[in-house]
C-alpha atoms as a PDB file:
ATOM      1  CA  MET A   1       0.000   0.000   0.000  1.00  0.00           C
ATOM      2  CA  ILE A   2       1.149   3.492  -0.821  1.00  0.00           C
ATOM      3  CA  ARG A   3      -0.120   6.219   1.484  1.00  0.00           C
ATOM      4  CA  SER A   4      -0.232   9.768   0.163  1.00  0.00           C
ATOM      5  CA  LEU A   5      -0.653  13.368   1.199  1.00  0.00           C
ATOM      6  CA  VAL A   6      -1.794  16.250  -0.983  1.00  0.00           C
ATOM      7  CA  PHE A   7      -1.204  19.732   0.413  1.00  0.00           C
ATOM      8  CA  LYS A   8      -1.266  23.373  -0.558  1.00  0.00           C
ATOM      9  CA  SER A   9       2.105  25.131  -0.657  1.00  0.00           C
ATOM     10  CA  SER A  10       2.968  28.724  -1.474  1.00  0.00           C
ATOM     11  CA  TRP A  11       3.767  27.491  -5.023  1.00  0.00           C
ATOM     12  CA  GLY A  12       0.539  25.505  -5.517  1.00  0.00           C
ATOM     13  CA  TRP A  13      -0.804  22.045  -4.703  1.00  0.00           C
ATOM     14  CA  ALA A  14       1.875  19.393  -4.115  1.00  0.00           C
ATOM     15  CA  GLY A  15       1.883  15.712  -3.216  1.00  0.00           C
ATOM     16  CA  ILE A  16       3.930  13.069  -1.480  1.00  0.00           C
ATOM     17  CA  ALA A  17       3.524   9.299  -1.362  1.00  0.00           C
ATOM     18  CA  GLU A  18       5.233   6.759   0.865  1.00  0.00           C
ATOM     19  CA  THR A  19       5.656   3.033   1.093  1.00  0.00           C
ATOM     20  CA  ALA A  20       6.723   1.105   4.174  1.00  0.00           C
ATOM     21  CA  LYS A  21      10.344   1.731   3.094  1.00  0.00           C
ATOM     22  CA  GLY A  22      10.214   5.516   2.728  1.00  0.00           C
ATOM     23  CA  ILE A  23       9.129   8.455   0.622  1.00  0.00           C
ATOM     24  CA  HIS A  24       8.285   7.031  -2.791  1.00  0.00           C
ATOM     25  CA  VAL A  25       7.038   9.941  -4.920  1.00  0.00           C
ATOM     26  CA  VAL A  26       7.011  13.733  -4.844  1.00  0.00           C
ATOM     27  CA  VAL A  27       4.619  15.606  -7.117  1.00  0.00           C
ATOM     28  CA  LEU A  28       5.824  19.128  -7.784  1.00  0.00           C
ATOM     29  CA  PRO A  29       3.405  22.010  -7.199  1.00  0.00           C
ATOM     30  CA  GLN A  30       0.468  22.071  -9.615  1.00  0.00           C
ATOM     31  CA  ALA A  31      -2.446  24.441 -10.146  1.00  0.00           C
ATOM     32  CA  SER A  32      -5.041  22.042  -8.720  1.00  0.00           C
ATOM     33  CA  LYS A  33      -5.444  19.370  -6.094  1.00  0.00           C
ATOM     34  CA  LYS A  34      -7.027  17.108  -8.716  1.00  0.00           C
ATOM     35  CA  ALA A  35      -3.908  17.320 -10.934  1.00  0.00           C
ATOM     36  CA  VAL A  36      -1.702  16.244  -8.012  1.00  0.00           C
ATOM     37  CA  GLU A  37      -4.000  13.347  -7.110  1.00  0.00           C
ATOM     38  CA  SER A  38      -3.974  12.200 -10.734  1.00  0.00           C
ATOM     39  CA  ARG A  39      -0.165  12.176 -10.839  1.00  0.00           C
ATOM     40  CA  LEU A  40       0.037  10.322  -7.531  1.00  0.00           C
ATOM     41  CA  ARG A  41      -2.311   7.618  -8.844  1.00  0.00           C
ATOM     42  CA  THR A  42       0.189   6.788 -11.587  1.00  0.00           C
ATOM     43  CA  SER A  43       2.686   5.664  -8.926  1.00  0.00           C
ATOM     44  CA  GLY A  44       0.705   2.586  -7.904  1.00  0.00           C
ATOM     45  CA  ASP A  45      -1.997   1.629  -5.419  1.00  0.00           C
ATOM     46  CA  VAL A  46      -2.171   5.034  -3.741  1.00  0.00           C
ATOM     47  CA  GLN A  47      -4.424   5.498  -0.734  1.00  0.00           C
ATOM     48  CA  PHE A  48      -6.124   8.848  -0.118  1.00  0.00           C
ATOM     49  CA  ASP A  49      -7.538   7.866   3.267  1.00  0.00           C
ATOM     50  CA  GLY A  50      -6.737  11.074   5.147  1.00  0.00           C
ATOM     51  CA  LYS A  51      -4.348   9.288   7.505  1.00  0.00           C
ATOM     52  CA  ILE A  52      -1.093  11.211   7.673  1.00  0.00           C
ATOM     53  CA  SER A  53       1.906   9.324   8.999  1.00  0.00           C
ATOM     54  CA  PRO A  54       4.712  11.070  10.885  1.00  0.00           C
ATOM     55  CA  ARG A  55       6.941  10.487   7.839  1.00  0.00           C
ATOM     56  CA  LEU A  56       4.472  12.220   5.489  1.00  0.00           C
ATOM     57  CA  LYS A  57       4.168  15.103   7.972  1.00  0.00           C
ATOM     58  CA  ALA A  58       7.966  15.423   8.083  1.00  0.00           C
ATOM     59  CA  ALA A  59       8.186  15.324   4.286  1.00  0.00           C
ATOM     60  CA  ARG A  60       5.498  18.015   3.947  1.00  0.00           C
ATOM     61  CA  ARG A  61       7.272  20.200   6.528  1.00  0.00           C
ATOM     62  CA  GLN A  62      10.666  19.788   4.854  1.00  0.00           C
ATOM     63  CA  LEU A  63       9.313  20.465   1.350  1.00  0.00           C
ATOM     64  CA  THR A  64       7.431  23.537   2.599  1.00  0.00           C
ATOM     65  CA  GLU A  65      10.561  24.810   4.332  1.00  0.00           C
ATOM     66  CA  PHE A  66      12.591  24.240   1.161  1.00  0.00           C
ATOM     67  CA  ILE A  67      10.123  26.160  -1.010  1.00  0.00           C
ATOM     68  CA  ARG A  68      10.200  29.023   1.508  1.00  0.00           C
ATOM     69  CA  GLY A  69      13.996  29.129   1.375  1.00  0.00           C
ATOM     70  CA  LYS A  70      14.353  27.899   4.974  1.00  0.00           C
ATOM     71  CA  ARG A  71      15.917  24.512   4.175  1.00  0.00           C
ATOM     72  CA  THR A  72      18.717  23.395   1.868  1.00  0.00           C
ATOM     73  CA  GLY A  73      18.500  19.596   2.180  1.00  0.00           C
ATOM     74  CA  PHE A  74      16.292  16.737   3.276  1.00  0.00           C
ATOM     75  CA  GLU A  75      16.402  14.177   6.066  1.00  0.00           C
ATOM     76  CA  LEU A  76      13.930  11.563   4.915  1.00  0.00           C
ATOM     77  CA  PRO A  77      14.077   7.824   4.301  1.00  0.00           C
ATOM     78  CA  LEU A  78      13.600   7.230   0.580  1.00  0.00           C
ATOM     79  CA  ASP A  79      12.192   4.259  -1.297  1.00  0.00           C
ATOM     80  CA  LEU A  80      13.957   4.162  -4.666  1.00  0.00           C
ATOM     81  CA  SER A  81      12.744   0.685  -5.568  1.00  0.00           C
ATOM     82  CA  ARG A  82      10.868   1.977  -8.634  1.00  0.00           C
ATOM     83  CA  GLY A  83      14.142   2.556 -10.418  1.00  0.00           C
ATOM     84  CA  THR A  84      16.573   0.271 -12.170  1.00  0.00           C
ATOM     85  CA  ALA A  85      20.017  -0.261 -10.664  1.00  0.00           C
ATOM     86  CA  PHE A  86      21.417   2.339 -13.076  1.00  0.00           C
ATOM     87  CA  GLN A  87      18.699   4.887 -12.257  1.00  0.00           C
ATOM     88  CA  ARG A  88      19.286   4.437  -8.525  1.00  0.00           C
ATOM     89  CA  ARG A  89      23.014   5.015  -9.059  1.00  0.00           C
ATOM     90  CA  VAL A  90      22.241   8.242 -10.944  1.00  0.00           C
ATOM     91  CA  TRP A  91      19.771   9.373  -8.276  1.00  0.00           C
ATOM     92  CA  ARG A  92      22.314   8.756  -5.499  1.00  0.00           C
ATOM     93  CA  THR A  93      24.822  10.836  -7.479  1.00  0.00           C
ATOM     94  CA  LEU A  94      22.278  13.664  -7.803  1.00  0.00           C
ATOM     95  CA  GLN A  95      21.885  13.667  -4.028  1.00  0.00           C
ATOM     96  CA  ARG A  96      25.554  14.657  -3.748  1.00  0.00           C
ATOM     97  CA  VAL A  97      25.064  17.890  -5.735  1.00  0.00           C
ATOM     98  CA  PRO A  98      25.064  20.605  -3.072  1.00  0.00           C
ATOM     99  CA  TYR A  99      22.398  23.254  -2.684  1.00  0.00           C
ATOM    100  CA  GLY A 100      23.255  26.298  -4.770  1.00  0.00           C
ATOM    101  CA  LYS A 101      25.487  24.374  -7.199  1.00  0.00           C
ATOM    102  CA  LEU A 102      24.943  23.228 -10.768  1.00  0.00           C
ATOM    103  CA  ARG A 103      26.332  20.149 -12.472  1.00  0.00           C
ATOM    104  CA  SER A 104      26.076  18.892 -16.048  1.00  0.00           C
ATOM    105  CA  TYR A 105      24.688  15.628 -17.353  1.00  0.00           C
ATOM    106  CA  GLN A 106      28.274  14.788 -18.389  1.00  0.00           C
ATOM    107  CA  TRP A 107      29.461  15.416 -14.809  1.00  0.00           C
ATOM    108  CA  VAL A 108      26.920  12.862 -13.594  1.00  0.00           C
ATOM    109  CA  ALA A 109      27.773  10.446 -16.424  1.00  0.00           C
ATOM    110  CA  ARG A 110      31.483  10.473 -15.488  1.00  0.00           C
ATOM    111  CA  ARG A 111      30.519   9.433 -11.955  1.00  0.00           C
ATOM    112  CA  VAL A 112      28.254   6.562 -12.984  1.00  0.00           C
ATOM    113  CA  GLY A 113      30.242   4.966 -15.777  1.00  0.00           C
ATOM    114  CA  GLY A 114      31.733   7.430 -18.235  1.00  0.00           C
ATOM    115  CA  ARG A 115      30.907  10.214 -20.671  1.00  0.00           C
ATOM    116  CA  ARG A 116      29.237   7.800 -23.071  1.00  0.00           C
ATOM    117  CA  TYR A 117      26.419   7.444 -20.510  1.00  0.00           C
ATOM    118  CA  ALA A 118      25.260  11.085 -20.809  1.00  0.00           C
ATOM    119  CA  ARG A 119      22.057  10.215 -22.710  1.00  0.00           C
ATOM    120  CA  ALA A 120      21.197   7.401 -20.289  1.00  0.00           C
ATOM    121  CA  VAL A 121      21.849   9.793 -17.419  1.00  0.00           C
ATOM    122  CA  GLY A 122      19.423  12.261 -18.988  1.00  0.00           C
ATOM    123  CA  ASN A 123      16.765   9.556 -19.118  1.00  0.00           C
ATOM    124  CA  ALA A 124      17.417   8.560 -15.495  1.00  0.00           C
ATOM    125  CA  VAL A 125      17.295  12.181 -14.346  1.00  0.00           C
ATOM    126  CA  GLY A 126      13.974  12.589 -16.166  1.00  0.00           C
ATOM    127  CA  ALA A 127      12.599   9.491 -14.419  1.00  0.00           C
ATOM    128  CA  ASN A 128      13.453  10.791 -10.935  1.00  0.00           C
ATOM    129  CA  PRO A 129      10.345  10.125  -8.806  1.00  0.00           C
ATOM    130  CA  LEU A 130      11.478  12.504  -6.048  1.00  0.00           C
ATOM    131  CA  PRO A 131      12.175  15.914  -7.617  1.00  0.00           C
ATOM    132  CA  ILE A 132      13.458  18.561  -5.193  1.00  0.00           C
ATOM    133  CA  VAL A 133      14.309  15.858  -2.619  1.00  0.00           C
ATOM    134  CA  ILE A 134      16.656  14.310  -5.190  1.00  0.00           C
ATOM    135  CA  PRO A 135      17.761  17.588  -6.792  1.00  0.00           C
ATOM    136  CA  CYS A 136      17.537  16.853 -10.510  1.00  0.00           C
ATOM    137  CA  HIS A 137      16.811  20.563 -11.113  1.00  0.00           C
ATOM    138  CA  ARG A 138      20.511  21.238 -10.423  1.00  0.00           C
ATOM    139  CA  ILE A 139      21.533  19.315 -13.549  1.00  0.00           C
ATOM    140  CA  VAL A 140      21.996  21.422 -16.683  1.00  0.00           C
ATOM    141  CA  ALA A 141      23.415  20.925 -20.159  1.00  0.00           C
ATOM    142  CA  HIS A 142      27.192  20.901 -20.620  1.00  0.00           C
ATOM    143  CA  ASP A 143      27.027  24.233 -22.503  1.00  0.00           C
ATOM    144  CA  ALA A 144      25.410  25.826 -19.404  1.00  0.00           C
ATOM    145  CA  SER A 145      21.965  25.987 -21.005  1.00  0.00           C
ATOM    146  CA  LEU A 146      18.977  25.025 -18.905  1.00  0.00           C
ATOM    147  CA  GLY A 147      18.366  21.534 -20.283  1.00  0.00           C
ATOM    148  CA  GLY A 148      15.076  19.805 -19.489  1.00  0.00           C
ATOM    149  CA  PHE A 149      13.011  19.158 -16.386  1.00  0.00           C
ATOM    150  CA  SER A 150      10.122  16.802 -15.739  1.00  0.00           C
ATOM    151  CA  GLY A 151       8.303  19.546 -13.839  1.00  0.00           C
ATOM    152  CA  GLY A 152       8.611  21.992 -16.715  1.00  0.00           C
ATOM    153  CA  LEU A 153      11.211  24.648 -17.420  1.00  0.00           C
ATOM    154  CA  SER A 154       9.331  27.373 -15.527  1.00  0.00           C
ATOM    155  CA  MET A 155       9.494  25.221 -12.357  1.00  0.00           C
ATOM    156  CA  LYS A 156      13.194  24.536 -12.975  1.00  0.00           C
ATOM    157  CA  ARG A 157      13.827  28.291 -13.303  1.00  0.00           C
ATOM    158  CA  LYS A 158      11.905  28.894 -10.087  1.00  0.00           C
ATOM    159  CA  LEU A 159      13.965  26.299  -8.192  1.00  0.00           C
ATOM    160  CA  LEU A 160      17.267  27.580  -9.587  1.00  0.00           C
ATOM    161  CA  THR A 161      16.263  31.149  -8.723  1.00  0.00           C
ATOM    162  CA  LEU A 162      15.442  30.021  -5.175  1.00  0.00           C
ATOM    163  CA  GLU A 163      18.927  28.499  -4.904  1.00  0.00           C
ATOM    164  CA  GLY A 164      20.588  31.520  -6.516  1.00  0.00           C
ATOM    165  CA  THR A 165      22.005  29.559  -9.450  1.00  0.00           C
ATOM    166  CA  LEU A 166      19.903  30.658 -12.424  1.00  0.00           C
ATOM    167  CA  ALA A 167      22.230  33.606 -13.038  1.00  0.00           C
ATOM    168  CA  GLN A 168      25.133  31.159 -13.507  1.00  0.00           C
ATOM    169  CA  LEU A 169      23.596  29.931 -16.750  1.00  0.00           C
ATOM    170  CA  ARG A 170      24.318  31.717 -20.006  1.00  0.00           C
ATOM    171  CA  GLN A 171      22.179  34.779 -20.503  1.00  0.00           C
ATOM    172  CA  GLY A 172      19.518  34.215 -23.140  1.00  0.00           C
ATOM    173  CA  ARG A 173      19.875  30.403 -23.018  1.00  0.00           C
ATOM    174  CA  ALA A 174      17.787  29.904 -19.892  1.00  0.00           C
END
C-alpha cells in the first residue's frame, strides 16, 4: 500500500507518497489538487484515506521549508525501488550535488560509468520520482543551457532562482 498526502504550498498544490520503506514519490506544485492526485495515482496503489503518517508530515514540513527558502536539504528515508540499478546510481549521485550548485549531465555520467552514458543519465534524471528531494533541477546541459526538467522549465527556473544559481547559466539560453 502506498499512502499519500496532498497539500497546498505557497507554489501551488503538491503531493507526497510513501511506502513502508520511505518516501516514494514527490509531485511538484500544480495548479489544482485534482492534478496532483492524478499524478500520484500513476505511482501505484495510492491510498487517499486522510491518515497522515509522521513520515508524510515530516516530508510536507521539509518540502514547505525548502520552497520558503528555509531549508537546503532533506532528512527523509527514501524508497527508490521503482528505479533500475542504473537509475538508482544516478539518483544517489544527484543527491551529492550541493544546494546552490549546478552540475552537467556529463558530470553525472562520469561518476556513474563514463561520458558515453550522458544520454542514459538524462533519461534517469527525467525518471526521478522525487524531484526537489533528489535535486535533478541542479543538472543542466554541458554548454550551461537550462536543459530539461520533468516539472517543466518554468518550475526549474523557479527552483534555480530560489537556490541563486539561475544567473550562472548563459544569458539568453535559460
